[in-house]
Amino acid sequence: MIVVSIANQKGGEGKTTTSLNLSMGLARRGKKTLLVDIDPQANSTGIFTNPESLEKSMHGVFNSRMTIKEIMIETRQPDLFLAPSKMNLAEVETLSGSSVDAPYILRDSLQGLEGIDFCIIDCPPSLSIFTINALVGSNYVLIPLQAEKFSVDGIVGLQQTITSIKKE
């Protein structure tokens, strides 16, 4: 499985739009694709379902160490699956951040997931424990940005974080 994080610590750069379009495009080409929404705003999830109506979400992965397989749902798009988020995901950031294995939660929860060709991770607009998890578990990182000075300046910090994570 190829894992791609869509990350940028700045908001409004197109992370969710890129995640959704990339996931849909891959699924339409017959690739089994999993969209993982680790943004507590749950905008990717909201495209497919009402996040607050869900019993299982990424909250369970980070708080209760559930696996992605336990929480993922099918979407209306053939070959596209969703690991949904909810607003309550924000609550677990402080709990997860103090755990020694915190940066590896997402990577470990993806282990043993069979039959998926691509995993696209929609990250929150921050360098939070969720984004760190995505970077640790990814083969590739796409950084969408607007063509303006502050957007370009923000890439430096993210690039340093990625370099640091990949050294470990």
N, C-alpha and C. Protein backbone atom coordinates (compact mmCIF):
# COMPACT_ATOMS: atom_id res chain seq x y z
N MET A 1 0.85 -1.18 0.00
CA MET A 1 0.00 0.00 0.00
C MET A 1 0.90 1.24 0.00
N ILE A 2 0.57 2.17 -0.85
CA ILE A 2 1.29 3.44 -0.91
C ILE A 2 0.53 4.43 -0.04
N VAL A 3 1.23 5.05 0.91
CA VAL A 3 0.62 5.99 1.84
C VAL A 3 1.13 7.40 1.53
N VAL A 4 0.19 8.31 1.26
CA VAL A 4 0.51 9.68 0.91
C VAL A 4 -0.19 10.63 1.88
N SER A 5 0.59 11.47 2.55
CA SER A 5 0.01 12.49 3.41
C SER A 5 -0.12 13.79 2.64
N ILE A 6 -1.24 14.46 2.84
CA ILE A 6 -1.45 15.79 2.28
C ILE A 6 -1.34 16.73 3.48
N ALA A 7 -0.21 17.44 3.56
CA ALA A 7 0.09 18.19 4.78
C ALA A 7 0.60 19.60 4.48
N ASN A 8 0.24 20.50 5.36
CA ASN A 8 0.76 21.87 5.39
C ASN A 8 0.24 22.47 6.68
N GLN A 9 1.11 23.05 7.49
CA GLN A 9 0.63 23.57 8.77
C GLN A 9 -0.22 24.82 8.63
N LYS A 10 -0.25 25.40 7.45
CA LYS A 10 -1.07 26.58 7.21
C LYS A 10 -2.47 26.15 6.74
N GLY A 11 -3.47 26.83 7.21
CA GLY A 11 -4.84 26.53 6.80
C GLY A 11 -5.16 27.17 5.46
N GLY A 12 -6.18 26.66 4.79
CA GLY A 12 -6.66 27.25 3.55
C GLY A 12 -5.77 27.03 2.34
N GLU A 13 -4.91 26.04 2.40
CA GLU A 13 -3.98 25.78 1.30
C GLU A 13 -4.48 24.73 0.32
N GLY A 14 -5.57 24.03 0.66
CA GLY A 14 -6.13 23.04 -0.26
C GLY A 14 -5.86 21.60 0.12
N LYS A 15 -5.54 21.35 1.38
CA LYS A 15 -5.27 19.96 1.81
C LYS A 15 -6.48 19.06 1.62
N THR A 16 -7.61 19.48 2.12
CA THR A 16 -8.81 18.65 2.02
C THR A 16 -9.25 18.50 0.57
N THR A 17 -9.24 19.56 -0.18
CA THR A 17 -9.61 19.49 -1.59
C THR A 17 -8.69 18.54 -2.35
N THR A 18 -7.40 18.64 -2.10
CA THR A 18 -6.43 17.75 -2.74
C THR A 18 -6.66 16.31 -2.32
N SER A 19 -6.88 16.09 -1.03
CA SER A 19 -7.12 14.73 -0.51
C SER A 19 -8.35 14.10 -1.16
N LEU A 20 -9.42 14.86 -1.21
CA LEU A 20 -10.67 14.35 -1.79
C LEU A 20 -10.51 14.05 -3.28
N ASN A 21 -9.95 14.99 -4.02
CA ASN A 21 -9.82 14.80 -5.47
C ASN A 21 -8.85 13.68 -5.82
N LEU A 22 -7.75 13.59 -5.10
CA LEU A 22 -6.79 12.51 -5.35
C LEU A 22 -7.41 11.16 -5.03
N SER A 23 -8.11 11.07 -3.91
CA SER A 23 -8.76 9.82 -3.51
C SER A 23 -9.82 9.39 -4.53
N MET A 24 -10.66 10.33 -4.92
CA MET A 24 -11.71 10.02 -5.90
C MET A 24 -11.10 9.63 -7.24
N GLY A 25 -10.07 10.33 -7.67
CA GLY A 25 -9.44 10.02 -8.94
C GLY A 25 -8.83 8.62 -8.96
N LEU A 26 -8.16 8.26 -7.88
CA LEU A 26 -7.57 6.92 -7.79
C LEU A 26 -8.66 5.85 -7.79
N ALA A 27 -9.72 6.08 -7.01
CA ALA A 27 -10.82 5.11 -6.93
C ALA A 27 -11.50 4.95 -8.30
N ARG A 28 -11.69 6.04 -9.00
CA ARG A 28 -12.33 5.98 -10.33
C ARG A 28 -11.47 5.23 -11.34
N ARG A 29 -10.20 5.11 -11.05
CA ARG A 29 -9.30 4.34 -11.92
C ARG A 29 -9.15 2.91 -11.44
N GLY A 30 -10.04 2.51 -10.53
CA GLY A 30 -10.06 1.13 -10.07
C GLY A 30 -9.07 0.79 -8.98
N LYS A 31 -8.43 1.79 -8.39
CA LYS A 31 -7.49 1.56 -7.29
C LYS A 31 -8.26 1.59 -5.98
N LYS A 32 -8.11 0.55 -5.19
CA LYS A 32 -8.74 0.53 -3.86
C LYS A 32 -8.04 1.60 -3.03
N THR A 33 -8.81 2.59 -2.61
CA THR A 33 -8.25 3.76 -1.96
C THR A 33 -8.91 4.01 -0.61
N LEU A 34 -8.09 4.29 0.37
CA LEU A 34 -8.56 4.64 1.71
C LEU A 34 -8.22 6.09 1.97
N LEU A 35 -9.23 6.90 2.26
CA LEU A 35 -9.04 8.29 2.66
C LEU A 35 -9.11 8.34 4.18
N VAL A 36 -8.02 8.76 4.80
CA VAL A 36 -7.95 8.85 6.26
C VAL A 36 -8.05 10.32 6.63
N ASP A 37 -9.10 10.68 7.35
CA ASP A 37 -9.34 12.06 7.78
C ASP A 37 -8.84 12.21 9.22
N ILE A 38 -7.68 12.86 9.39
CA ILE A 38 -7.18 13.07 10.76
C ILE A 38 -7.26 14.54 11.16
N ASP A 39 -8.11 15.27 10.49
CA ASP A 39 -8.36 16.67 10.84
C ASP A 39 -9.63 16.71 11.69
N PRO A 40 -9.54 17.21 12.94
CA PRO A 40 -10.73 17.28 13.80
C PRO A 40 -11.88 18.10 13.20
N GLN A 41 -11.59 18.94 12.22
CA GLN A 41 -12.67 19.68 11.55
C GLN A 41 -13.56 18.74 10.74
N ALA A 42 -13.04 17.59 10.37
CA ALA A 42 -13.79 16.51 9.70
C ALA A 42 -14.44 16.93 8.38
N ASN A 43 -13.80 17.83 7.65
CA ASN A 43 -14.38 18.28 6.39
C ASN A 43 -14.41 17.18 5.33
N SER A 44 -13.36 16.37 5.24
CA SER A 44 -13.38 15.25 4.28
C SER A 44 -14.50 14.29 4.62
N THR A 45 -14.63 13.98 5.90
CA THR A 45 -15.69 13.08 6.36
C THR A 45 -17.06 13.64 6.01
N GLY A 46 -17.23 14.94 6.19
CA GLY A 46 -18.51 15.59 5.94
C GLY A 46 -18.99 15.51 4.51
N ILE A 47 -18.09 15.27 3.58
CA ILE A 47 -18.49 15.11 2.17
C ILE A 47 -19.28 13.81 1.99
N PHE A 48 -18.98 12.81 2.80
CA PHE A 48 -19.58 11.49 2.64
C PHE A 48 -20.69 11.17 3.64
N THR A 49 -20.63 11.76 4.81
CA THR A 49 -21.58 11.44 5.87
C THR A 49 -21.57 12.54 6.93
N ASN A 50 -22.53 12.50 7.83
CA ASN A 50 -22.53 13.42 8.96
C ASN A 50 -21.57 12.87 10.01
N PRO A 51 -20.45 13.55 10.25
CA PRO A 51 -19.45 13.02 11.19
C PRO A 51 -20.02 12.72 12.58
N GLU A 52 -20.91 13.54 13.04
CA GLU A 52 -21.42 13.36 14.41
C GLU A 52 -22.37 12.17 14.54
N SER A 53 -22.81 11.62 13.42
CA SER A 53 -23.70 10.46 13.48
C SER A 53 -22.91 9.14 13.58
N LEU A 54 -21.61 9.22 13.46
CA LEU A 54 -20.78 8.01 13.45
C LEU A 54 -20.42 7.56 14.86
N GLU A 55 -20.48 6.25 15.07
CA GLU A 55 -20.08 5.70 16.36
C GLU A 55 -18.57 5.50 16.44
N LYS A 56 -17.95 5.13 15.32
CA LYS A 56 -16.51 4.86 15.29
C LYS A 56 -15.83 5.87 14.37
N SER A 57 -14.67 6.33 14.82
CA SER A 57 -13.92 7.31 14.04
C SER A 57 -12.45 7.24 14.42
N MET A 58 -11.66 8.16 13.88
CA MET A 58 -10.24 8.21 14.20
C MET A 58 -10.00 8.48 15.68
N HIS A 59 -10.99 9.00 16.37
CA HIS A 59 -10.90 9.16 17.82
C HIS A 59 -10.59 7.81 18.46
N GLY A 60 -11.24 6.76 18.01
CA GLY A 60 -11.01 5.42 18.54
C GLY A 60 -9.62 4.90 18.24
N VAL A 61 -9.07 5.28 17.11
CA VAL A 61 -7.71 4.86 16.75
C VAL A 61 -6.70 5.50 17.69
N PHE A 62 -6.83 6.80 17.91
CA PHE A 62 -5.85 7.51 18.73
C PHE A 62 -6.10 7.36 20.23
N ASN A 63 -7.34 7.19 20.64
CA ASN A 63 -7.66 7.11 22.06
C ASN A 63 -7.71 5.68 22.58
N SER A 64 -8.26 4.77 21.79
CA SER A 64 -8.48 3.39 22.25
C SER A 64 -7.64 2.38 21.49
N ARG A 65 -6.79 2.86 20.60
CA ARG A 65 -5.90 2.00 19.80
C ARG A 65 -6.67 1.00 18.93
N MET A 66 -7.83 1.44 18.44
CA MET A 66 -8.55 0.63 17.45
C MET A 66 -7.72 0.64 16.16
N THR A 67 -7.99 -0.30 15.29
CA THR A 67 -7.31 -0.30 14.00
C THR A 67 -8.16 0.46 12.98
N ILE A 68 -7.50 0.87 11.93
CA ILE A 68 -8.22 1.53 10.84
C ILE A 68 -9.30 0.60 10.29
N LYS A 69 -8.97 -0.67 10.18
CA LYS A 69 -9.93 -1.64 9.65
C LYS A 69 -11.22 -1.65 10.46
N GLU A 70 -11.12 -1.44 11.77
CA GLU A 70 -12.30 -1.45 12.64
C GLU A 70 -13.20 -0.24 12.44
N ILE A 71 -12.65 0.86 11.95
CA ILE A 71 -13.46 2.08 11.86
C ILE A 71 -13.78 2.50 10.43
N MET A 72 -13.10 1.93 9.44
CA MET A 72 -13.30 2.40 8.07
C MET A 72 -14.68 2.03 7.53
N ILE A 73 -15.21 2.91 6.71
CA ILE A 73 -16.53 2.71 6.13
C ILE A 73 -16.45 2.81 4.60
N GLU A 74 -17.42 2.21 3.94
CA GLU A 74 -17.51 2.32 2.49
C GLU A 74 -18.15 3.66 2.14
N THR A 75 -17.81 4.18 0.98
CA THR A 75 -18.46 5.40 0.49
C THR A 75 -19.32 5.03 -0.72
N ARG A 76 -20.04 6.00 -1.23
CA ARG A 76 -20.86 5.77 -2.43
C ARG A 76 -19.99 5.52 -3.66
N GLN A 77 -18.76 5.99 -3.62
CA GLN A 77 -17.84 5.80 -4.74
C GLN A 77 -17.21 4.41 -4.66
N PRO A 78 -17.42 3.57 -5.67
CA PRO A 78 -16.78 2.25 -5.65
C PRO A 78 -15.26 2.38 -5.48
N ASP A 79 -14.69 1.48 -4.71
CA ASP A 79 -13.24 1.41 -4.44
C ASP A 79 -12.72 2.52 -3.53
N LEU A 80 -13.60 3.32 -2.95
CA LEU A 80 -13.16 4.37 -2.03
C LEU A 80 -13.72 4.11 -0.64
N PHE A 81 -12.82 4.04 0.32
CA PHE A 81 -13.18 3.81 1.71
C PHE A 81 -12.73 5.02 2.52
N LEU A 82 -13.37 5.21 3.67
CA LEU A 82 -13.10 6.38 4.52
C LEU A 82 -12.83 5.94 5.95
N ALA A 83 -11.75 6.47 6.52
CA ALA A 83 -11.51 6.38 7.96
C ALA A 83 -11.91 7.75 8.49
N PRO A 84 -13.13 7.86 9.04
CA PRO A 84 -13.71 9.17 9.34
C PRO A 84 -13.15 9.84 10.59
N SER A 85 -13.32 11.14 10.61
CA SER A 85 -12.95 11.96 11.75
C SER A 85 -14.20 12.56 12.37
N LYS A 86 -14.06 13.06 13.57
CA LYS A 86 -15.12 13.79 14.26
C LYS A 86 -14.47 14.92 15.04
N MET A 87 -15.27 15.87 15.45
CA MET A 87 -14.75 17.00 16.23
C MET A 87 -14.06 16.53 17.51
N ASN A 88 -14.52 15.40 18.07
CA ASN A 88 -13.94 14.95 19.34
C ASN A 88 -12.51 14.44 19.19
N LEU A 89 -12.00 14.34 17.98
CA LEU A 89 -10.61 13.94 17.78
C LEU A 89 -9.67 14.95 18.45
N ALA A 90 -10.05 16.20 18.47
CA ALA A 90 -9.21 17.23 19.10
C ALA A 90 -8.96 16.94 20.57
N GLU A 91 -9.90 16.26 21.23
CA GLU A 91 -9.77 15.95 22.66
C GLU A 91 -8.60 15.03 22.95
N VAL A 92 -8.26 14.16 22.03
CA VAL A 92 -7.23 13.15 22.31
C VAL A 92 -5.82 13.64 22.02
N GLU A 93 -5.67 14.81 21.46
CA GLU A 93 -4.33 15.28 21.12
C GLU A 93 -3.44 15.37 22.35
N THR A 94 -3.94 15.90 23.44
CA THR A 94 -3.11 16.01 24.64
C THR A 94 -2.85 14.65 25.26
N LEU A 95 -3.80 13.75 25.20
CA LEU A 95 -3.60 12.40 25.75
C LEU A 95 -2.57 11.63 24.92
N SER A 96 -2.70 11.68 23.61
CA SER A 96 -1.79 10.95 22.73
C SER A 96 -0.38 11.51 22.78
N GLY A 97 -0.28 12.82 22.91
CA GLY A 97 1.03 13.46 22.87
C GLY A 97 1.97 13.04 23.98
N SER A 98 1.45 12.56 25.09
CA SER A 98 2.30 12.19 26.22
C SER A 98 2.75 10.73 26.16
N SER A 99 2.23 9.96 25.24
CA SER A 99 2.56 8.54 25.13
C SER A 99 3.86 8.35 24.34
N VAL A 100 4.68 7.42 24.78
CA VAL A 100 5.95 7.14 24.11
C VAL A 100 5.73 6.70 22.66
N ASP A 101 4.70 5.91 22.42
CA ASP A 101 4.44 5.42 21.06
C ASP A 101 3.53 6.34 20.26
N ALA A 102 3.29 7.54 20.75
CA ALA A 102 2.35 8.46 20.10
C ALA A 102 2.60 8.69 18.62
N PRO A 103 3.84 8.90 18.17
CA PRO A 103 4.05 9.16 16.74
C PRO A 103 3.78 7.96 15.83
N TYR A 104 3.61 6.79 16.41
CA TYR A 104 3.47 5.57 15.62
C TYR A 104 2.05 5.00 15.61
N ILE A 105 1.12 5.67 16.25
CA ILE A 105 -0.24 5.15 16.38
C ILE A 105 -0.88 4.91 15.02
N LEU A 106 -0.83 5.90 14.15
CA LEU A 106 -1.46 5.77 12.84
C LEU A 106 -0.75 4.70 12.00
N ARG A 107 0.57 4.75 11.97
CA ARG A 107 1.32 3.75 11.20
C ARG A 107 0.96 2.33 11.65
N ASP A 108 0.93 2.12 12.96
CA ASP A 108 0.62 0.80 13.50
C ASP A 108 -0.81 0.38 13.18
N SER A 109 -1.74 1.34 13.19
CA SER A 109 -3.15 0.99 12.92
C SER A 109 -3.38 0.64 11.45
N LEU A 110 -2.48 1.05 10.58
CA LEU A 110 -2.58 0.71 9.16
C LEU A 110 -1.98 -0.66 8.85
N GLN A 111 -1.20 -1.20 9.78
CA GLN A 111 -0.57 -2.51 9.58
C GLN A 111 -1.64 -3.58 9.37
N GLY A 112 -1.38 -4.48 8.47
CA GLY A 112 -2.30 -5.58 8.24
C GLY A 112 -3.53 -5.23 7.43
N LEU A 113 -3.59 -4.01 6.93
CA LEU A 113 -4.72 -3.60 6.09
C LEU A 113 -4.47 -4.13 4.68
N GLU A 114 -5.25 -5.12 4.29
CA GLU A 114 -5.02 -5.78 3.01
C GLU A 114 -6.01 -5.31 1.95
N GLY A 115 -5.57 -5.36 0.71
CA GLY A 115 -6.46 -5.05 -0.40
C GLY A 115 -6.57 -3.58 -0.73
N ILE A 116 -5.85 -2.73 -0.05
CA ILE A 116 -5.88 -1.29 -0.32
C ILE A 116 -4.62 -0.94 -1.11
N ASP A 117 -4.81 -0.25 -2.24
CA ASP A 117 -3.67 0.16 -3.07
C ASP A 117 -3.05 1.47 -2.60
N PHE A 118 -3.92 2.43 -2.25
CA PHE A 118 -3.46 3.75 -1.83
C PHE A 118 -4.16 4.18 -0.55
N CYS A 119 -3.42 4.84 0.31
CA CYS A 119 -3.97 5.47 1.50
C CYS A 119 -3.61 6.95 1.42
N ILE A 120 -4.62 7.80 1.40
CA ILE A 120 -4.44 9.25 1.33
C ILE A 120 -4.84 9.82 2.69
N ILE A 121 -3.94 10.57 3.31
CA ILE A 121 -4.19 11.10 4.65
C ILE A 121 -4.40 12.61 4.57
N ASP A 122 -5.59 13.05 4.97
CA ASP A 122 -5.93 14.47 5.03
C ASP A 122 -5.53 14.99 6.41
N CYS A 123 -4.47 15.80 6.46
CA CYS A 123 -3.93 16.28 7.73
C CYS A 123 -4.57 17.60 8.17
N PRO A 124 -4.51 17.88 9.47
CA PRO A 124 -5.01 19.16 9.97
C PRO A 124 -4.02 20.28 9.65
N PRO A 125 -4.47 21.54 9.78
CA PRO A 125 -3.58 22.68 9.48
C PRO A 125 -2.68 23.03 10.66
N SER A 126 -1.82 22.09 11.03
CA SER A 126 -0.88 22.31 12.15
C SER A 126 0.16 21.20 12.13
N LEU A 127 1.21 21.39 12.90
CA LEU A 127 2.19 20.32 13.09
C LEU A 127 1.87 19.61 14.39
N SER A 128 0.66 19.14 14.50
CA SER A 128 0.17 18.46 15.70
C SER A 128 0.62 17.01 15.73
N ILE A 129 0.27 16.32 16.79
CA ILE A 129 0.59 14.89 16.89
C ILE A 129 -0.08 14.12 15.75
N PHE A 130 -1.20 14.61 15.25
CA PHE A 130 -1.87 13.94 14.13
C PHE A 130 -1.03 14.05 12.86
N THR A 131 -0.52 15.23 12.58
CA THR A 131 0.32 15.42 11.40
C THR A 131 1.62 14.64 11.54
N ILE A 132 2.22 14.64 12.71
CA ILE A 132 3.44 13.86 12.95
C ILE A 132 3.15 12.38 12.67
N ASN A 133 2.03 11.87 13.14
CA ASN A 133 1.64 10.48 12.86
C ASN A 133 1.55 10.22 11.37
N ALA A 134 0.94 11.14 10.65
CA ALA A 134 0.79 10.98 9.21
C ALA A 134 2.16 10.95 8.52
N LEU A 135 3.04 11.84 8.92
CA LEU A 135 4.36 11.90 8.31
C LEU A 135 5.17 10.64 8.61
N VAL A 136 5.07 10.14 9.83
CA VAL A 136 5.78 8.91 10.21
C VAL A 136 5.29 7.73 9.38
N GLY A 137 4.00 7.67 9.13
CA GLY A 137 3.42 6.52 8.44
C GLY A 137 3.37 6.62 6.93
N SER A 138 3.89 7.69 6.36
CA SER A 138 3.76 7.93 4.92
C SER A 138 4.99 7.52 4.12
N ASN A 139 4.72 7.12 2.88
CA ASN A 139 5.79 6.93 1.91
C ASN A 139 6.09 8.24 1.20
N TYR A 140 5.05 9.06 1.03
CA TYR A 140 5.17 10.33 0.31
C TYR A 140 4.37 11.40 1.03
N VAL A 141 4.78 12.67 0.79
CA VAL A 141 4.06 13.82 1.33
C VAL A 141 3.82 14.80 0.19
N LEU A 142 2.57 15.21 0.02
CA LEU A 142 2.22 16.29 -0.90
C LEU A 142 1.93 17.52 -0.06
N ILE A 143 2.50 18.66 -0.47
CA ILE A 143 2.29 19.90 0.28
C ILE A 143 1.61 20.91 -0.64
N PRO A 144 0.28 20.99 -0.57
CA PRO A 144 -0.40 21.98 -1.40
C PRO A 144 -0.18 23.38 -0.81
N LEU A 145 -0.07 24.37 -1.68
CA LEU A 145 0.08 25.73 -1.18
C LEU A 145 -0.37 26.73 -2.22
N GLN A 146 -0.72 27.90 -1.72
CA GLN A 146 -1.07 29.02 -2.58
C GLN A 146 0.23 29.69 -3.01
N ALA A 147 0.24 30.30 -4.16
CA ALA A 147 1.45 30.96 -4.67
C ALA A 147 1.57 32.35 -4.07
N GLU A 148 1.89 32.39 -2.78
CA GLU A 148 2.09 33.66 -2.09
C GLU A 148 3.16 33.49 -1.02
N LYS A 149 3.75 34.60 -0.61
CA LYS A 149 4.91 34.58 0.27
C LYS A 149 4.71 33.79 1.55
N PHE A 150 3.65 34.04 2.30
CA PHE A 150 3.47 33.36 3.59
C PHE A 150 3.28 31.86 3.42
N SER A 151 2.68 31.46 2.33
CA SER A 151 2.51 30.03 2.07
C SER A 151 3.86 29.36 1.83
N VAL A 152 4.68 30.01 1.03
CA VAL A 152 6.01 29.46 0.72
C VAL A 152 6.88 29.45 1.97
N ASP A 153 6.83 30.51 2.77
CA ASP A 153 7.61 30.58 4.01
C ASP A 153 7.27 29.43 4.95
N GLY A 154 6.01 29.03 4.99
CA GLY A 154 5.57 27.97 5.89
C GLY A 154 6.10 26.60 5.55
N ILE A 155 6.55 26.41 4.33
CA ILE A 155 7.05 25.10 3.91
C ILE A 155 8.36 24.75 4.62
N VAL A 156 9.16 25.75 4.97
CA VAL A 156 10.47 25.50 5.58
C VAL A 156 10.33 24.68 6.86
N GLY A 157 9.42 25.09 7.74
CA GLY A 157 9.22 24.35 8.99
C GLY A 157 8.74 22.93 8.76
N LEU A 158 7.82 22.77 7.82
CA LEU A 158 7.31 21.43 7.52
C LEU A 158 8.41 20.56 6.91
N GLN A 159 9.21 21.15 6.05
CA GLN A 159 10.31 20.40 5.43
C GLN A 159 11.31 19.94 6.50
N GLN A 160 11.61 20.80 7.46
CA GLN A 160 12.53 20.42 8.55
C GLN A 160 11.94 19.29 9.38
N THR A 161 10.65 19.35 9.64
CA THR A 161 9.99 18.29 10.40
C THR A 161 10.04 16.97 9.64
N ILE A 162 9.74 17.00 8.36
CA ILE A 162 9.78 15.78 7.54
C ILE A 162 11.19 15.19 7.54
N THR A 163 12.20 16.03 7.35
CA THR A 163 13.59 15.56 7.34
C THR A 163 13.95 14.92 8.67
N SER A 164 13.54 15.54 9.76
CA SER A 164 13.82 15.00 11.10
C SER A 164 13.15 13.65 11.31
N ILE A 165 11.90 13.53 10.89
CA ILE A 165 11.15 12.28 11.06
C ILE A 165 11.75 11.17 10.22
N LYS A 166 12.11 11.46 9.00
CA LYS A 166 12.63 10.43 8.11
C LYS A 166 14.04 9.97 8.51
N LYS A 167 14.78 10.79 9.28
CA LYS A 167 16.08 10.37 9.79
C LYS A 167 15.93 9.29 10.84
N GLU A 168 14.84 9.37 11.61
CA GLU A 168 14.59 8.40 12.68
C GLU A 168 14.08 7.16 12.08
